[in-house]
Amino acid sequence: MIKGIVMGLDVPSVALPWLPVMACALGWLLWSVLVGYWGHRLPLSALADDSCWTRPRPWGESLTMYEQRLAIRRWKAWLPDAGDLFPGGLRKGALIGRDRQRLERLLAETRRAEWVHLAIWPFWLVTALWLPPLGVAANLLFATAANLPCLWLQRYNRLRLVVLRARLVP
């Protein structure tokens, strides 16, 4: 039973169904690790070019949109980089440089991270197997809050890198 105070009001005791909550937590953890490992194992050749999922959107993605509307520069440093979570992986910060080879590798790593977050996000659908609709909605909110900023950051970084790559002499 949980009892608390919200905005000065007594909140009645509520029994949390611990088994479904633990199933969600464990499910998110296992699914994230599995998808992360799968993404880590993707060959660079599979990430060399944008796909229909990673190419710029037809409604006009731009650096300005990410910088002004989403204020991405204010919060991007708060997001973790799990690129080196598995042996042989790379943190994107380790690839910073202005030579073409590093830029191409960093572009590929932004695609890898985007694929991973796109694949993690739909786990909320699986929670419908054991949760009531409100619990599924809570998982949808969690999935979106945990993955959407990461997706925005990868897309923003890729747009920046494409501009930088275009400035390099071939």
C-alpha atoms as a PDB file:
ATOM      1  CA  MET A   1       0.000   0.000   0.000  1.00  0.00           C
ATOM      2  CA  ILE A   2       1.216   3.466  -0.857  1.00  0.00           C
ATOM      3  CA  LYS A   3       0.000   6.551   0.936  1.00  0.00           C
ATOM      4  CA  GLY A   4       1.259  10.010   0.189  1.00  0.00           C
ATOM      5  CA  ILE A   5       0.550  13.705   0.095  1.00  0.00           C
ATOM      6  CA  VAL A   6      -0.045  15.490  -3.194  1.00  0.00           C
ATOM      7  CA  MET A   7      -0.305  19.286  -3.140  1.00  0.00           C
ATOM      8  CA  GLY A   8      -1.207  19.249   0.554  1.00  0.00           C
ATOM      9  CA  LEU A   9      -3.989  16.677   0.162  1.00  0.00           C
ATOM     10  CA  ASP A  10      -3.979  13.202   1.617  1.00  0.00           C
ATOM     11  CA  VAL A  11      -3.898  10.617  -1.125  1.00  0.00           C
ATOM     12  CA  PRO A  12      -5.723   7.403  -0.282  1.00  0.00           C
ATOM     13  CA  SER A  13      -3.759   4.218  -0.015  1.00  0.00           C
ATOM     14  CA  VAL A  14      -3.379   2.426  -3.326  1.00  0.00           C
ATOM     15  CA  ALA A  15      -2.156  -1.118  -3.734  1.00  0.00           C
ATOM     16  CA  LEU A  16       0.386  -1.318  -6.532  1.00  0.00           C
ATOM     17  CA  PRO A  17       0.302  -4.545  -8.460  1.00  0.00           C
ATOM     18  CA  TRP A  18       3.992  -5.345  -7.983  1.00  0.00           C
ATOM     19  CA  LEU A  19       4.117  -8.307 -10.326  1.00  0.00           C
ATOM     20  CA  PRO A  20       2.999  -6.362 -13.423  1.00  0.00           C
ATOM     21  CA  VAL A  21       5.192  -3.403 -12.465  1.00  0.00           C
ATOM     22  CA  MET A  22       8.220  -5.677 -12.069  1.00  0.00           C
ATOM     23  CA  ALA A  23       7.346  -7.448 -15.323  1.00  0.00           C
ATOM     24  CA  CYS A  24       7.376  -4.085 -17.089  1.00  0.00           C
ATOM     25  CA  ALA A  25      10.668  -3.014 -15.544  1.00  0.00           C
ATOM     26  CA  LEU A  26      12.327  -6.338 -16.341  1.00  0.00           C
ATOM     27  CA  GLY A  27      10.784  -6.388 -19.814  1.00  0.00           C
ATOM     28  CA  TRP A  28      12.048  -2.906 -20.635  1.00  0.00           C
ATOM     29  CA  LEU A  29      15.509  -3.764 -19.362  1.00  0.00           C
ATOM     30  CA  LEU A  30      15.797  -7.064 -21.246  1.00  0.00           C
ATOM     31  CA  TRP A  31      14.296  -5.681 -24.459  1.00  0.00           C
ATOM     32  CA  SER A  32      16.587  -2.637 -24.370  1.00  0.00           C
ATOM     33  CA  VAL A  33      19.686  -4.784 -23.834  1.00  0.00           C
ATOM     34  CA  LEU A  34      18.634  -7.235 -26.568  1.00  0.00           C
ATOM     35  CA  VAL A  35      17.909  -4.495 -29.091  1.00  0.00           C
ATOM     36  CA  GLY A  36      21.071  -2.637 -28.079  1.00  0.00           C
ATOM     37  CA  TYR A  37      23.133  -5.767 -28.652  1.00  0.00           C
ATOM     38  CA  TRP A  38      21.420  -6.387 -31.994  1.00  0.00           C
ATOM     39  CA  GLY A  39      22.172  -2.788 -32.988  1.00  0.00           C
ATOM     40  CA  HIS A  40      25.777  -3.157 -31.827  1.00  0.00           C
ATOM     41  CA  ARG A  41      26.158  -6.196 -34.099  1.00  0.00           C
ATOM     42  CA  LEU A  42      24.837  -4.428 -37.223  1.00  0.00           C
ATOM     43  CA  PRO A  43      27.661  -4.216 -39.768  1.00  0.00           C
ATOM     44  CA  LEU A  44      28.781  -0.738 -40.818  1.00  0.00           C
ATOM     45  CA  SER A  45      27.773  -1.578 -44.383  1.00  0.00           C
ATOM     46  CA  ALA A  46      24.135  -1.740 -43.241  1.00  0.00           C
ATOM     47  CA  LEU A  47      24.473   1.769 -41.829  1.00  0.00           C
ATOM     48  CA  ALA A  48      26.352   3.414 -44.691  1.00  0.00           C
ATOM     49  CA  ASP A  49      23.295   5.160 -46.139  1.00  0.00           C
ATOM     50  CA  ASP A  50      19.998   6.487 -44.885  1.00  0.00           C
ATOM     51  CA  SER A  51      16.952   4.276 -45.191  1.00  0.00           C
ATOM     52  CA  CYS A  52      13.296   5.249 -45.316  1.00  0.00           C
ATOM     53  CA  TRP A  53      13.428   5.346 -41.485  1.00  0.00           C
ATOM     54  CA  THR A  54      16.523   7.515 -41.140  1.00  0.00           C
ATOM     55  CA  ARG A  55      16.452   9.886 -44.112  1.00  0.00           C
ATOM     56  CA  PRO A  56      15.351  13.502 -43.565  1.00  0.00           C
ATOM     57  CA  ARG A  57      11.596  13.890 -43.411  1.00  0.00           C
ATOM     58  CA  PRO A  58       9.678  15.413 -46.336  1.00  0.00           C
ATOM     59  CA  TRP A  59       8.101  18.049 -44.078  1.00  0.00           C
ATOM     60  CA  GLY A  60      11.412  19.836 -43.871  1.00  0.00           C
ATOM     61  CA  GLU A  61      13.641  18.798 -41.020  1.00  0.00           C
ATOM     62  CA  SER A  62      16.236  21.458 -40.409  1.00  0.00           C
ATOM     63  CA  LEU A  63      18.868  22.358 -37.887  1.00  0.00           C
ATOM     64  CA  THR A  64      16.877  25.501 -37.101  1.00  0.00           C
ATOM     65  CA  MET A  65      13.796  23.450 -36.223  1.00  0.00           C
ATOM     66  CA  TYR A  66      15.759  21.345 -33.746  1.00  0.00           C
ATOM     67  CA  GLU A  67      17.620  24.322 -32.297  1.00  0.00           C
ATOM     68  CA  GLN A  68      14.754  26.802 -32.003  1.00  0.00           C
ATOM     69  CA  ARG A  69      11.583  24.747 -31.603  1.00  0.00           C
ATOM     70  CA  LEU A  70      13.076  21.929 -29.533  1.00  0.00           C
ATOM     71  CA  ALA A  71      15.917  23.913 -27.880  1.00  0.00           C
ATOM     72  CA  ILE A  72      18.051  20.814 -28.379  1.00  0.00           C
ATOM     73  CA  ARG A  73      21.311  22.550 -27.468  1.00  0.00           C
ATOM     74  CA  ARG A  74      20.002  23.143 -23.935  1.00  0.00           C
ATOM     75  CA  TRP A  75      19.335  19.503 -23.078  1.00  0.00           C
ATOM     76  CA  LYS A  76      21.355  17.307 -25.431  1.00  0.00           C
ATOM     77  CA  ALA A  77      24.274  17.002 -23.007  1.00  0.00           C
ATOM     78  CA  TRP A  78      21.963  15.338 -20.462  1.00  0.00           C
ATOM     79  CA  LEU A  79      21.334  12.314 -22.680  1.00  0.00           C
ATOM     80  CA  PRO A  80      23.578   9.279 -22.188  1.00  0.00           C
ATOM     81  CA  ASP A  81      25.699   7.733 -24.920  1.00  0.00           C
ATOM     82  CA  ALA A  82      25.623   3.952 -24.604  1.00  0.00           C
ATOM     83  CA  GLY A  83      27.656   3.373 -27.756  1.00  0.00           C
ATOM     84  CA  ASP A  84      30.374   1.607 -25.793  1.00  0.00           C
ATOM     85  CA  LEU A  85      28.063  -0.490 -23.627  1.00  0.00           C
ATOM     86  CA  PHE A  86      29.134  -3.684 -25.406  1.00  0.00           C
ATOM     87  CA  PRO A  87      32.735  -4.738 -26.086  1.00  0.00           C
ATOM     88  CA  GLY A  88      34.065  -3.151 -29.263  1.00  0.00           C
ATOM     89  CA  GLY A  89      31.450  -0.398 -29.259  1.00  0.00           C
ATOM     90  CA  LEU A  90      32.264   3.275 -29.618  1.00  0.00           C
ATOM     91  CA  ARG A  91      31.024   6.375 -27.893  1.00  0.00           C
ATOM     92  CA  LYS A  92      30.058   8.933 -30.485  1.00  0.00           C
ATOM     93  CA  GLY A  93      32.223  11.494 -28.682  1.00  0.00           C
ATOM     94  CA  ALA A  94      35.284   9.383 -29.490  1.00  0.00           C
ATOM     95  CA  LEU A  95      34.665   9.888 -33.209  1.00  0.00           C
ATOM     96  CA  ILE A  96      34.743  13.668 -33.257  1.00  0.00           C
ATOM     97  CA  GLY A  97      37.013  14.933 -35.988  1.00  0.00           C
ATOM     98  CA  ARG A  98      36.945  16.727 -39.299  1.00  0.00           C
ATOM     99  CA  ASP A  99      38.287  14.077 -41.627  1.00  0.00           C
ATOM    100  CA  ARG A 100      35.908  12.322 -44.000  1.00  0.00           C
ATOM    101  CA  GLN A 101      36.470   8.828 -42.565  1.00  0.00           C
ATOM    102  CA  ARG A 102      35.529   9.893 -39.031  1.00  0.00           C
ATOM    103  CA  LEU A 103      32.510  11.822 -40.286  1.00  0.00           C
ATOM    104  CA  GLU A 104      31.247   8.814 -42.234  1.00  0.00           C
ATOM    105  CA  ARG A 105      31.685   6.569 -39.199  1.00  0.00           C
ATOM    106  CA  LEU A 106      29.906   9.062 -36.961  1.00  0.00           C
ATOM    107  CA  LEU A 107      27.043   9.291 -39.490  1.00  0.00           C
ATOM    108  CA  ALA A 108      26.776   5.501 -39.391  1.00  0.00           C
ATOM    109  CA  GLU A 109      26.752   5.527 -35.572  1.00  0.00           C
ATOM    110  CA  THR A 110      23.904   8.066 -35.523  1.00  0.00           C
ATOM    111  CA  ARG A 111      21.937   5.712 -37.785  1.00  0.00           C
ATOM    112  CA  ARG A 112      22.750   2.779 -35.489  1.00  0.00           C
ATOM    113  CA  ALA A 113      21.510   4.709 -32.440  1.00  0.00           C
ATOM    114  CA  GLU A 114      18.380   5.783 -34.288  1.00  0.00           C
ATOM    115  CA  TRP A 115      17.603   2.192 -35.303  1.00  0.00           C
ATOM    116  CA  VAL A 116      18.076   1.024 -31.722  1.00  0.00           C
ATOM    117  CA  HIS A 117      15.709   3.634 -30.296  1.00  0.00           C
ATOM    118  CA  LEU A 118      13.154   3.001 -33.030  1.00  0.00           C
ATOM    119  CA  ALA A 119      13.250  -0.713 -32.187  1.00  0.00           C
ATOM    120  CA  ILE A 120      13.066  -0.221 -28.409  1.00  0.00           C
ATOM    121  CA  TRP A 121      10.077   2.140 -28.489  1.00  0.00           C
ATOM    122  CA  PRO A 122       7.327  -0.359 -29.514  1.00  0.00           C
ATOM    123  CA  PHE A 123       7.852  -2.560 -26.432  1.00  0.00           C
ATOM    124  CA  TRP A 124       4.989  -0.635 -24.837  1.00  0.00           C
ATOM    125  CA  LEU A 125       2.655  -2.654 -27.096  1.00  0.00           C
ATOM    126  CA  VAL A 126       3.809  -5.883 -25.427  1.00  0.00           C
ATOM    127  CA  THR A 127       2.739  -4.568 -22.030  1.00  0.00           C
ATOM    128  CA  ALA A 128      -0.889  -4.846 -23.215  1.00  0.00           C
ATOM    129  CA  LEU A 129      -0.533  -8.595 -22.590  1.00  0.00           C
ATOM    130  CA  TRP A 130      -0.613  -8.103 -18.812  1.00  0.00           C
ATOM    131  CA  LEU A 131      -1.582  -4.506 -18.061  1.00  0.00           C
ATOM    132  CA  PRO A 132      -4.903  -2.699 -18.074  1.00  0.00           C
ATOM    133  CA  PRO A 133      -5.290   0.177 -20.568  1.00  0.00           C
ATOM    134  CA  LEU A 134      -4.051   2.805 -18.092  1.00  0.00           C
ATOM    135  CA  GLY A 135      -0.862   0.803 -17.526  1.00  0.00           C
ATOM    136  CA  VAL A 136      -0.321   0.426 -21.261  1.00  0.00           C
ATOM    137  CA  ALA A 137      -0.800   4.187 -21.672  1.00  0.00           C
ATOM    138  CA  ALA A 138       1.774   4.780 -18.923  1.00  0.00           C
ATOM    139  CA  ASN A 139       4.224   2.532 -20.793  1.00  0.00           C
ATOM    140  CA  LEU A 140       3.545   4.415 -24.023  1.00  0.00           C
ATOM    141  CA  LEU A 141       4.371   7.673 -22.242  1.00  0.00           C
ATOM    142  CA  PHE A 142       7.529   6.127 -20.779  1.00  0.00           C
ATOM    143  CA  ALA A 143       8.614   4.736 -24.159  1.00  0.00           C
ATOM    144  CA  THR A 144       8.075   8.078 -25.831  1.00  0.00           C
ATOM    145  CA  ALA A 145       9.792  10.107 -23.101  1.00  0.00           C
ATOM    146  CA  ALA A 146      12.778   7.728 -23.054  1.00  0.00           C
ATOM    147  CA  ASN A 147      13.273   7.357 -26.809  1.00  0.00           C
ATOM    148  CA  LEU A 148      11.982  10.443 -28.617  1.00  0.00           C
ATOM    149  CA  PRO A 149      14.658  12.839 -27.296  1.00  0.00           C
ATOM    150  CA  CYS A 150      17.338  10.299 -28.304  1.00  0.00           C
ATOM    151  CA  LEU A 151      15.840  10.028 -31.785  1.00  0.00           C
ATOM    152  CA  TRP A 152      15.701  13.812 -32.135  1.00  0.00           C
ATOM    153  CA  LEU A 153      19.339  14.076 -31.058  1.00  0.00           C
ATOM    154  CA  GLN A 154      20.518  11.485 -33.594  1.00  0.00           C
ATOM    155  CA  ARG A 155      18.613  13.205 -36.404  1.00  0.00           C
ATOM    156  CA  TYR A 156      19.926  16.628 -35.356  1.00  0.00           C
ATOM    157  CA  ASN A 157      23.514  15.378 -35.193  1.00  0.00           C
ATOM    158  CA  ARG A 158      23.179  13.720 -38.582  1.00  0.00           C
ATOM    159  CA  LEU A 159      21.941  16.961 -40.161  1.00  0.00           C
ATOM    160  CA  ARG A 160      24.933  18.772 -38.637  1.00  0.00           C
ATOM    161  CA  LEU A 161      27.340  16.121 -39.893  1.00  0.00           C
ATOM    162  CA  VAL A 162      25.926  16.203 -43.419  1.00  0.00           C
ATOM    163  CA  VAL A 163      26.502  19.967 -43.540  1.00  0.00           C
ATOM    164  CA  LEU A 164      30.042  19.511 -42.235  1.00  0.00           C
ATOM    165  CA  ARG A 165      30.748  16.718 -44.725  1.00  0.00           C
ATOM    166  CA  ALA A 166      29.548  18.904 -47.611  1.00  0.00           C
ATOM    167  CA  ARG A 167      32.097  21.563 -46.605  1.00  0.00           C
ATOM    168  CA  LEU A 168      34.993  19.119 -46.840  1.00  0.00           C
ATOM    169  CA  VAL A 169      36.971  19.033 -50.034  1.00  0.00           C
ATOM    170  CA  PRO A 170      36.495  15.624 -51.690  1.00  0.00           C
END
